[in-house]
N, C-alpha and C. Protein backbone atom coordinates (compact mmCIF):
# COMPACT_ATOMS: atom_id res chain seq x y z
N MET A 1 0.91 -1.10 -0.09
CA MET A 1 -0.19 -0.23 -0.11
C MET A 1 0.94 1.39 0.08
N THR A 2 2.15 1.24 0.65
CA THR A 2 2.95 2.14 0.21
C THR A 2 4.27 1.58 -0.66
N GLY A 3 4.45 2.46 -1.32
CA GLY A 3 5.58 2.07 -2.07
C GLY A 3 6.12 2.67 -2.87
N SER A 4 7.36 1.88 -3.87
CA SER A 4 8.17 2.60 -5.16
C SER A 4 7.55 1.94 -6.23
N ILE A 5 7.01 1.39 -6.38
CA ILE A 5 5.92 0.18 -7.64
C ILE A 5 5.06 0.86 -7.85
N GLY A 6 4.61 2.63 -7.45
CA GLY A 6 3.20 3.02 -8.48
C GLY A 6 3.39 3.25 -9.92
N HIS A 7 4.23 3.06 -10.46
CA HIS A 7 4.50 3.09 -11.72
C HIS A 7 4.58 1.86 -12.96
N HIS A 8 4.41 0.96 -11.85
CA HIS A 8 3.98 -0.52 -12.36
C HIS A 8 2.74 -0.42 -12.77
N PRO A 9 1.98 -1.32 -13.91
CA PRO A 9 0.85 -1.45 -13.91
C PRO A 9 -0.06 -2.19 -12.89
N GLY A 10 -1.24 -1.80 -12.18
CA GLY A 10 -2.01 -2.26 -11.38
C GLY A 10 -1.94 -1.63 -9.65
N PRO A 11 -1.15 -1.23 -9.37
CA PRO A 11 -0.39 -0.97 -8.04
C PRO A 11 -1.44 0.18 -7.61
N PHE A 12 -1.45 0.56 -6.72
CA PHE A 12 -1.69 1.73 -5.93
C PHE A 12 -1.39 2.27 -4.74
N TYR A 13 -1.26 3.08 -3.72
CA TYR A 13 -0.04 3.60 -2.80
C TYR A 13 -1.11 4.21 -2.28
N TRP A 14 -1.02 4.42 -0.88
CA TRP A 14 -1.17 5.50 -0.24
C TRP A 14 0.06 6.28 0.30
N ARG A 15 0.32 7.35 1.13
CA ARG A 15 1.67 7.90 2.17
C ARG A 15 1.42 6.90 3.00
N LYS A 16 2.63 6.84 3.72
CA LYS A 16 3.20 6.56 4.85
C LYS A 16 2.39 6.83 5.87
N LYS A 17 1.96 8.05 6.24
CA LYS A 17 1.23 8.78 7.35
C LYS A 17 -0.32 8.10 6.93
N ILE A 18 -1.08 8.06 5.86
CA ILE A 18 -1.97 8.01 5.73
C ILE A 18 -2.42 6.45 5.97
N LEU A 19 -1.48 5.57 5.59
CA LEU A 19 -1.70 3.96 6.48
C LEU A 19 -1.53 3.76 7.79
N SER A 20 -0.31 4.56 8.16
CA SER A 20 -0.08 4.98 9.62
C SER A 20 -1.55 5.67 10.37
N TRP A 21 -2.19 6.29 9.94
CA TRP A 21 -3.01 6.89 10.59
C TRP A 21 -4.32 5.81 10.46
N LEU A 22 -4.55 5.55 9.86
CA LEU A 22 -5.86 4.70 9.03
C LEU A 22 -5.63 2.95 10.05
N SER A 23 -4.64 3.07 10.22
CA SER A 23 -4.19 1.84 10.68
C SER A 23 -4.67 1.83 12.53
N PHE A 24 -3.91 2.89 12.93
CA PHE A 24 -3.83 3.23 14.41
C PHE A 24 -5.39 3.37 14.82
N ALA A 25 -5.95 4.30 14.21
CA ALA A 25 -7.70 4.51 14.49
C ALA A 25 -7.95 3.28 14.62
N THR A 26 -7.89 2.10 13.20
CA THR A 26 -8.43 1.01 13.27
C THR A 26 -8.33 0.01 14.56
N LEU A 27 -6.77 -0.04 14.76
CA LEU A 27 -6.31 -0.35 16.67
C LEU A 27 -7.48 0.33 17.53
N THR A 28 -7.00 1.07 17.51
CA THR A 28 -7.67 1.98 18.72
C THR A 28 -9.20 1.44 19.15
N ARG A 29 -9.98 1.58 17.62
CA ARG A 29 -11.15 0.72 17.85
C ARG A 29 -11.64 -0.24 18.20
N LEU A 30 -11.03 -1.23 17.66
CA LEU A 30 -10.86 -2.35 18.23
C LEU A 30 -10.83 -2.89 19.92
N GLU A 31 -9.63 -1.85 20.19
CA GLU A 31 -9.60 -1.75 21.15
C GLU A 31 -10.75 -1.75 22.50
N ALA A 32 -11.89 -0.42 21.60
CA ALA A 32 -12.59 -0.17 22.42
C ALA A 32 -13.55 -0.94 22.66
N PHE A 33 -13.47 -2.15 21.21
CA PHE A 33 -14.63 -3.14 21.66
C PHE A 33 -13.86 -4.21 22.40
N LYS A 34 -13.01 -4.43 23.34
CA LYS A 34 -12.39 -5.23 24.12
C LYS A 34 -11.88 -6.38 23.59
N VAL A 35 -11.40 -5.56 22.49
CA VAL A 35 -10.62 -7.10 21.36
C VAL A 35 -9.28 -7.53 22.07
N LYS A 36 -8.62 -8.35 22.04
CA LYS A 36 -7.62 -8.51 23.41
C LYS A 36 -6.22 -8.69 22.63
N LEU A 37 -6.32 -9.49 21.24
CA LEU A 37 -5.49 -9.38 20.09
C LEU A 37 -5.85 -9.21 18.71
N ALA A 38 -4.88 -8.33 18.34
CA ALA A 38 -5.22 -7.73 17.00
C ALA A 38 -3.89 -8.20 16.39
N VAL A 39 -4.32 -9.05 14.81
CA VAL A 39 -3.16 -9.19 13.74
C VAL A 39 -3.18 -8.60 12.54
N VAL A 40 -2.39 -8.09 12.40
CA VAL A 40 -2.36 -7.56 11.07
C VAL A 40 -1.21 -8.34 10.41
N PHE A 41 -1.87 -8.23 8.99
CA PHE A 41 -1.13 -9.57 8.44
C PHE A 41 -1.07 -8.80 6.87
N THR A 42 -0.10 -8.70 6.10
CA THR A 42 -0.18 -8.47 5.44
C THR A 42 0.69 -9.41 4.15
N GLY A 43 -0.17 -9.32 3.18
CA GLY A 43 0.53 -10.07 1.86
C GLY A 43 1.63 -9.52 0.70
N HIS A 44 1.46 -8.18 1.12
CA HIS A 44 2.55 -7.67 0.09
C HIS A 44 3.52 -6.93 1.09
N PHE A 45 4.61 -6.99 0.87
CA PHE A 45 6.28 -6.77 1.40
C PHE A 45 6.59 -5.88 1.07
N GLY A 46 6.48 -5.25 0.45
CA GLY A 46 7.02 -3.56 0.19
C GLY A 46 7.69 -3.12 1.32
N LYS A 47 9.21 -2.27 1.29
CA LYS A 47 10.03 -2.13 1.89
C LYS A 47 9.07 -1.07 2.76
N ARG A 48 8.80 -0.14 1.71
CA ARG A 48 7.81 0.89 2.55
C ARG A 48 6.72 0.90 3.77
N GLN A 49 6.38 -0.07 3.40
CA GLN A 49 4.91 -0.86 3.65
C GLN A 49 5.26 -1.53 4.90
N LEU A 50 6.25 -2.68 5.23
CA LEU A 50 7.04 -3.11 6.11
C LEU A 50 7.36 -2.80 7.36
N ALA A 51 8.20 -0.95 6.67
CA ALA A 51 8.67 -0.29 7.54
C ALA A 51 7.58 0.64 8.48
N ALA A 52 6.54 0.86 7.73
CA ALA A 52 5.52 1.69 8.05
C ALA A 52 4.68 0.84 9.12
N LEU A 53 4.17 -0.68 9.37
CA LEU A 53 3.88 -1.53 9.99
C LEU A 53 4.41 -1.53 10.78
N ASN A 54 5.99 -1.46 10.87
CA ASN A 54 6.94 -1.63 12.24
C ASN A 54 6.69 -0.63 13.12
N VAL A 55 7.06 0.56 12.21
CA VAL A 55 6.50 2.24 13.13
C VAL A 55 5.44 1.82 14.17
N LEU A 56 3.97 1.41 13.04
CA LEU A 56 2.87 1.53 14.31
C LEU A 56 3.20 0.56 15.51
N LYS A 57 3.28 -0.60 15.25
CA LYS A 57 3.85 -2.03 16.06
C LYS A 57 4.65 -1.43 17.08
N THR A 58 5.44 -0.44 16.91
CA THR A 58 6.06 -0.06 17.94
C THR A 58 5.81 1.33 18.60
N GLN A 59 4.97 2.31 17.92
CA GLN A 59 4.44 3.18 18.65
C GLN A 59 3.49 2.50 19.72
N TRP A 60 2.77 1.47 19.07
CA TRP A 60 1.51 0.94 19.76
C TRP A 60 2.00 0.04 20.86
N ALA A 61 2.93 -0.37 21.14
CA ALA A 61 3.57 -1.13 22.20
C ALA A 61 4.18 0.41 23.35
N ALA A 62 4.90 1.12 22.68
CA ALA A 62 5.22 2.30 23.26
C ALA A 62 4.06 2.98 23.92
N GLU A 63 2.51 2.78 23.70
CA GLU A 63 1.96 4.13 24.23
C GLU A 63 0.86 2.49 25.55
N LYS A 64 1.75 1.46 25.57
CA LYS A 64 1.33 0.45 26.73
C LYS A 64 -0.32 0.37 26.27
N HIS A 65 -0.91 0.02 25.49
CA HIS A 65 -2.30 -0.17 25.15
C HIS A 65 -2.95 -1.87 25.98
N ASP A 66 -3.91 -2.27 26.39
CA ASP A 66 -4.12 -3.51 26.90
C ASP A 66 -4.45 -4.34 25.41
N MET A 67 -4.90 -4.21 24.50
CA MET A 67 -5.12 -4.58 22.84
C MET A 67 -3.66 -5.09 22.60
N ARG A 68 -3.28 -6.35 22.70
CA ARG A 68 -2.01 -7.06 22.06
C ARG A 68 -2.06 -6.85 20.44
N LEU A 69 -0.77 -6.25 19.98
CA LEU A 69 -0.61 -6.55 18.52
C LEU A 69 0.02 -7.26 17.67
N LEU A 70 0.01 -7.73 17.26
CA LEU A 70 0.98 -8.76 16.49
C LEU A 70 1.03 -8.75 14.66
N VAL A 71 1.84 -7.97 13.91
CA VAL A 71 2.39 -7.64 12.74
C VAL A 71 2.83 -8.85 12.03
N LEU A 72 2.67 -9.48 11.27
CA LEU A 72 2.71 -10.02 10.62
C LEU A 72 3.02 -10.03 8.96
N SER A 73 4.01 -10.11 8.22
CA SER A 73 4.10 -10.40 6.83
C SER A 73 4.29 -12.04 6.02
N ILE A 74 3.71 -11.95 5.38
CA ILE A 74 3.66 -13.40 4.13
C ILE A 74 5.07 -13.71 4.04
N ASN A 75 5.94 -12.36 3.74
CA ASN A 75 7.26 -13.46 3.30
C ASN A 75 8.23 -13.46 4.92
N GLN A 76 7.81 -13.67 5.90
CA GLN A 76 8.48 -13.87 6.89
C GLN A 76 8.77 -14.85 7.03
N CYS A 77 7.63 -16.03 6.46
CA CYS A 77 7.48 -17.48 6.58
C CYS A 77 8.84 -18.17 6.65
N PRO A 78 9.30 -18.60 7.63
CA PRO A 78 11.04 -19.26 7.44
C PRO A 78 10.81 -20.47 6.38
N ASP A 79 9.80 -21.10 6.62
CA ASP A 79 9.54 -22.34 6.24
C ASP A 79 9.42 -22.23 4.13
N ALA A 80 8.89 -20.89 4.43
CA ALA A 80 7.86 -21.04 2.70
C ALA A 80 9.41 -21.44 1.77
N LYS A 81 8.93 -22.28 0.99
CA LYS A 81 9.93 -23.05 -0.20
C LYS A 81 9.75 -22.16 -1.35
N MET A 82 8.97 -20.75 -1.46
CA MET A 82 8.93 -20.04 -2.35
C MET A 82 9.77 -18.95 -2.11
N ILE A 83 10.47 -17.93 -2.58
CA ILE A 83 10.51 -16.17 -2.24
C ILE A 83 9.70 -14.97 -2.56
N GLY A 84 9.32 -14.30 -1.75
CA GLY A 84 8.44 -13.46 -1.91
C GLY A 84 8.98 -12.72 -3.38
N ASP A 85 7.50 -11.95 -3.95
CA ASP A 85 7.87 -11.54 -5.48
C ASP A 85 7.56 -10.64 -5.43
N HIS A 86 7.32 -9.60 -6.53
CA HIS A 86 5.66 -9.28 -6.93
C HIS A 86 5.23 -9.68 -8.62
N GLY A 87 4.12 -10.10 -8.34
CA GLY A 87 2.72 -10.48 -9.17
C GLY A 87 3.98 -12.03 -9.99
N ALA A 88 5.03 -12.46 -9.22
CA ALA A 88 5.16 -13.59 -9.70
C ALA A 88 4.90 -14.95 -9.69
N ILE A 89 5.49 -16.07 -9.49
CA ILE A 89 5.47 -17.20 -8.77
C ILE A 89 4.23 -17.33 -7.23
N PHE A 90 5.46 -16.52 -6.45
CA PHE A 90 5.17 -16.70 -5.10
C PHE A 90 3.30 -16.17 -4.75
N GLU A 91 3.42 -14.77 -5.34
CA GLU A 91 1.76 -14.17 -5.44
C GLU A 91 0.80 -14.65 -6.55
N THR A 92 1.67 -15.62 -7.25
CA THR A 92 0.49 -15.66 -8.19
C THR A 92 0.06 -17.12 -7.59
N SER A 93 0.51 -17.88 -6.43
CA SER A 93 0.66 -18.98 -6.25
C SER A 93 -0.73 -18.79 -5.03
N VAL A 94 -0.22 -17.68 -3.91
CA VAL A 94 -1.19 -17.58 -3.38
C VAL A 94 -2.56 -17.26 -3.73
N LEU A 95 -2.43 -16.61 -4.27
CA LEU A 95 -3.62 -15.76 -4.48
C LEU A 95 -4.58 -16.61 -5.40
N SER A 96 -3.81 -17.30 -6.39
CA SER A 96 -4.78 -18.05 -7.04
C SER A 96 -5.69 -19.62 -6.04
N LEU A 97 -5.04 -19.74 -5.09
CA LEU A 97 -6.14 -20.42 -3.96
C LEU A 97 -6.89 -19.85 -3.33
N LEU A 98 -6.24 -18.24 -2.42
CA LEU A 98 -7.53 -17.57 -2.00
C LEU A 98 -8.02 -16.73 -2.85
N HIS A 99 -8.07 -16.19 -4.09
CA HIS A 99 -8.77 -15.50 -4.76
C HIS A 99 -8.52 -16.32 -6.61
N PRO A 100 -9.09 -17.33 -6.80
CA PRO A 100 -8.51 -17.54 -8.10
C PRO A 100 -9.28 -17.07 -9.19
N GLU A 101 -10.28 -16.51 -8.98
CA GLU A 101 -10.55 -15.10 -10.10
C GLU A 101 -9.66 -13.86 -10.36
N LEU A 102 -9.02 -13.52 -9.69
CA LEU A 102 -8.16 -12.46 -9.72
C LEU A 102 -6.76 -13.05 -10.56
N VAL A 103 -6.78 -14.21 -10.45
CA VAL A 103 -5.33 -14.64 -11.36
C VAL A 103 -5.58 -15.03 -13.03
N LYS A 104 -5.44 -14.18 -13.59
CA LYS A 104 -5.38 -14.83 -15.45
C LYS A 104 -4.10 -14.54 -15.85
N LEU A 105 -3.24 -15.57 -15.58
CA LEU A 105 -2.09 -15.80 -16.15
C LEU A 105 -2.43 -16.44 -17.83
N ASP A 106 -3.81 -16.03 -18.78
CA ASP A 106 -3.80 -16.14 -19.88
C ASP A 106 -3.52 -14.69 -20.50
N LYS A 107 -3.73 -13.70 -19.76
CA LYS A 107 -3.43 -12.50 -20.29
C LYS A 107 -1.54 -12.06 -20.51
N LEU A 108 -1.02 -13.18 -20.26
CA LEU A 108 0.20 -13.29 -20.28
C LEU A 108 0.80 -13.90 -21.70
N PRO A 109 1.61 -13.54 -22.48
CA PRO A 109 1.72 -14.50 -23.87
C PRO A 109 2.02 -16.06 -23.58
N PRO A 110 1.99 -16.88 -24.08
CA PRO A 110 2.60 -18.31 -23.77
C PRO A 110 4.06 -18.19 -23.23
N GLN A 111 4.27 -19.10 -22.80
CA GLN A 111 5.88 -19.08 -22.45
C GLN A 111 6.58 -19.96 -23.09
N GLU A 112 5.72 -20.46 -23.42
CA GLU A 112 6.76 -21.58 -24.93
C GLU A 112 7.03 -20.97 -26.38
N THR A 113 6.05 -19.52 -26.48
CA THR A 113 6.67 -18.58 -27.64
C THR A 113 7.29 -17.17 -26.89
N ASN A 114 7.32 -16.88 -26.01
CA ASN A 114 7.06 -15.91 -25.55
C ASN A 114 8.30 -15.76 -23.97
N PRO A 115 9.31 -16.60 -24.23
CA PRO A 115 9.66 -17.02 -22.58
C PRO A 115 10.69 -15.79 -22.09
N ALA A 116 10.76 -15.74 -20.97
CA ALA A 116 11.43 -14.55 -19.95
C ALA A 116 12.67 -14.12 -20.78
N ASN A 117 13.30 -13.50 -20.85
CA ASN A 117 14.16 -12.75 -21.63
C ASN A 117 14.87 -11.82 -20.43
N ASP A 118 15.60 -12.98 -19.48
CA ASP A 118 16.11 -12.23 -18.48
C ASP A 118 17.75 -12.76 -18.36
N PRO A 119 18.26 -11.00 -18.63
CA PRO A 119 20.08 -11.50 -18.59
C PRO A 119 20.51 -12.29 -17.57
N ASP A 120 20.96 -13.01 -17.92
CA ASP A 120 21.73 -13.89 -16.78
C ASP A 120 20.90 -14.58 -16.00
N GLY A 121 19.73 -14.92 -16.06
CA GLY A 121 18.17 -15.71 -15.51
C GLY A 121 17.97 -14.49 -14.15
N ASP A 122 18.19 -13.15 -13.88
CA ASP A 122 18.01 -12.17 -13.05
C ASP A 122 16.61 -12.33 -13.35
N SER A 123 15.30 -12.42 -12.36
CA SER A 123 14.40 -12.22 -12.87
C SER A 123 13.73 -10.98 -11.90
N TRP A 124 14.68 -9.82 -11.18
CA TRP A 124 14.42 -8.79 -10.83
C TRP A 124 15.34 -7.49 -11.22
N GLY A 125 15.69 -8.03 -12.34
CA GLY A 125 16.80 -6.84 -13.14
C GLY A 125 15.44 -5.44 -13.51
N PRO A 126 16.54 -4.83 -13.69
CA PRO A 126 15.46 -3.51 -14.19
C PRO A 126 15.26 -3.74 -15.65
N HIS A 127 15.38 -4.72 -16.30
CA HIS A 127 14.54 -5.18 -17.73
C HIS A 127 13.50 -5.46 -17.69
N ARG A 128 13.09 -6.13 -16.07
CA ARG A 128 11.14 -6.28 -15.86
C ARG A 128 10.51 -4.70 -15.51
N ARG A 129 11.50 -3.63 -15.47
CA ARG A 129 10.39 -2.94 -15.29
C ARG A 129 10.18 -1.78 -16.36
N ASP A 130 11.15 -2.54 -17.71
CA ASP A 130 10.54 -2.10 -19.28
C ASP A 130 9.15 -2.57 -19.97
N SER A 131 8.48 -1.46 -20.07
CA SER A 131 7.14 -1.92 -20.98
C SER A 131 7.32 -2.70 -21.67
N ALA A 132 8.10 -2.77 -22.38
CA ALA A 132 8.57 -3.68 -23.53
C ALA A 132 8.53 -5.36 -23.17
N ASN A 133 9.25 -5.56 -22.20
CA ASN A 133 9.36 -6.75 -21.40
C ASN A 133 7.98 -7.96 -21.39
N VAL A 134 8.28 -9.33 -21.68
CA VAL A 134 7.46 -9.93 -22.10
C VAL A 134 6.67 -9.95 -20.32
N LEU A 135 6.96 -9.25 -19.15
CA LEU A 135 7.13 -9.61 -18.05
C LEU A 135 7.04 -8.66 -17.23
N PHE A 136 7.01 -7.53 -17.99
CA PHE A 136 6.93 -6.21 -17.46
C PHE A 136 6.14 -5.98 -16.03
N GLY A 137 6.86 -5.72 -14.84
CA GLY A 137 6.11 -5.77 -13.66
C GLY A 137 6.02 -6.41 -13.02
N ILE A 138 6.43 -7.86 -13.69
CA ILE A 138 6.83 -9.01 -12.18
C ILE A 138 8.14 -9.03 -11.97
N LEU A 139 8.59 -8.85 -10.88
CA LEU A 139 9.66 -9.38 -10.17
C LEU A 139 9.82 -10.29 -9.94
N GLY A 140 10.13 -11.67 -9.98
CA GLY A 140 10.52 -12.50 -9.68
C GLY A 140 10.27 -13.56 -10.88
N ASP A 141 10.58 -15.24 -9.97
CA ASP A 141 10.14 -16.07 -11.04
C ASP A 141 8.66 -16.24 -11.57
N ASP A 142 8.56 -16.29 -13.18
CA ASP A 142 7.68 -16.62 -14.02
C ASP A 142 6.64 -17.10 -13.58
N PRO A 143 5.65 -16.37 -13.58
CA PRO A 143 4.33 -17.23 -12.52
C PRO A 143 3.42 -18.15 -13.52
N ARG A 144 4.28 -18.06 -14.93
CA ARG A 144 3.65 -19.08 -15.76
C ARG A 144 3.51 -20.39 -15.52
N ALA A 145 4.89 -20.43 -14.50
CA ALA A 145 5.45 -21.74 -14.37
C ALA A 145 4.35 -22.13 -13.21
N TYR A 146 3.47 -21.94 -13.03
CA TYR A 146 2.17 -22.14 -11.67
C TYR A 146 2.05 -23.66 -11.48
N ASP A 147 1.67 -24.29 -10.44
CA ASP A 147 2.07 -25.58 -10.35
C ASP A 147 1.22 -25.53 -8.80
N ASP A 148 -0.48 -26.07 -9.27
CA ASP A 148 -1.01 -26.03 -8.10
C ASP A 148 -0.64 -26.69 -6.55
N GLN A 149 -0.35 -28.26 -6.81
CA GLN A 149 0.27 -29.17 -5.92
C GLN A 149 1.46 -27.64 -4.90
N ARG A 150 2.13 -27.22 -5.41
CA ARG A 150 3.14 -26.19 -5.27
C ARG A 150 2.70 -25.40 -4.11
N ALA A 151 1.58 -24.69 -5.32
CA ALA A 151 0.99 -23.59 -4.63
C ALA A 151 0.12 -24.21 -3.35
N LYS A 152 -0.68 -25.32 -3.30
CA LYS A 152 -0.76 -25.41 -2.20
C LYS A 152 -0.18 -26.11 -1.04
N GLU A 153 1.19 -26.55 -0.85
CA GLU A 153 1.84 -26.40 0.05
C GLU A 153 2.83 -25.37 0.64
N LEU A 154 2.48 -24.44 -0.22
CA LEU A 154 3.14 -23.42 -0.19
C LEU A 154 2.31 -22.35 1.05
N LEU A 155 0.74 -22.20 0.72
CA LEU A 155 -0.43 -21.67 1.00
C LEU A 155 -0.25 -22.57 2.49
N SER A 156 -0.37 -23.90 2.86
CA SER A 156 -0.80 -24.79 3.95
C SER A 156 0.34 -24.41 4.77
N THR A 157 2.05 -24.03 4.05
CA THR A 157 3.31 -23.89 5.33
C THR A 157 2.71 -22.13 6.06
N ILE A 158 1.81 -21.41 5.34
CA ILE A 158 2.28 -19.75 5.88
C ILE A 158 0.87 -20.04 6.68
N LEU A 159 -0.05 -20.52 6.42
CA LEU A 159 -1.21 -21.01 7.45
C LEU A 159 -0.65 -21.47 8.66
N ASP A 160 0.36 -22.23 8.24
CA ASP A 160 0.40 -22.94 10.05
C ASP A 160 1.01 -22.41 10.44
N TRP A 161 2.41 -21.36 9.84
CA TRP A 161 3.29 -20.80 10.91
C TRP A 161 2.14 -19.33 11.32
N MET A 162 1.65 -18.96 10.50
CA MET A 162 0.82 -18.19 10.98
C MET A 162 -0.23 -18.46 12.67
N ILE A 163 -0.60 -19.45 12.02
CA ILE A 163 -1.29 -20.56 13.58
C ILE A 163 -0.51 -19.73 14.55
N SER A 164 1.05 -20.95 13.87
CA SER A 164 1.96 -20.63 15.29
C SER A 164 2.19 -19.62 16.17
N LYS A 165 2.27 -18.53 15.10
CA LYS A 165 2.55 -17.03 15.82
C LYS A 165 1.57 -16.84 16.70
N VAL A 166 -0.15 -16.53 16.22
CA VAL A 166 -1.03 -16.29 16.72
C VAL A 166 -0.53 -17.05 18.66
N SER A 167 -1.17 -18.39 18.34
CA SER A 167 -1.33 -19.33 18.95
C SER A 167 -0.08 -18.97 20.60
N TYR A 168 0.95 -18.53 19.88
CA TYR A 168 2.19 -18.51 20.72
C TYR A 168 2.05 -16.97 21.73
N VAL A 169 1.11 -15.84 20.83
CA VAL A 169 0.75 -14.81 21.36
C VAL A 169 0.44 -15.12 23.07
């Protein structure tokens, strides 16, 4: 929601101040309803967003609230067998199981006739920020390599990790 990718196709972002204000106001209201634990979980892990959420967590803790706050990001799962990315195989795998109607791999040209053109195999390079690139705006491994079984394993691993984190608090 905050970040440096606003020029890529699709994303929108809020300034850190707005994200922080909305988050803090929401948490304060939940606390007024006597909620004991709030879990802020982000499936987007842009550096600026993670920094903003860390500020929120620090500020909340410093104010000694009754409601506990746990801030988690999907890319923090230590046992995930894929690396977090932007619109690539990791995000595609998770989203395909949670909201399959939002995954439209058929909008990309076929991998067989239009392979990823990554110099030295670098799927994170500046060439992916070039609108002429077949995988423009996609940072990470080619999402067209989607595998349903790998996606299920990834999501299961992330859910197990989240449950263990929440259970620990």
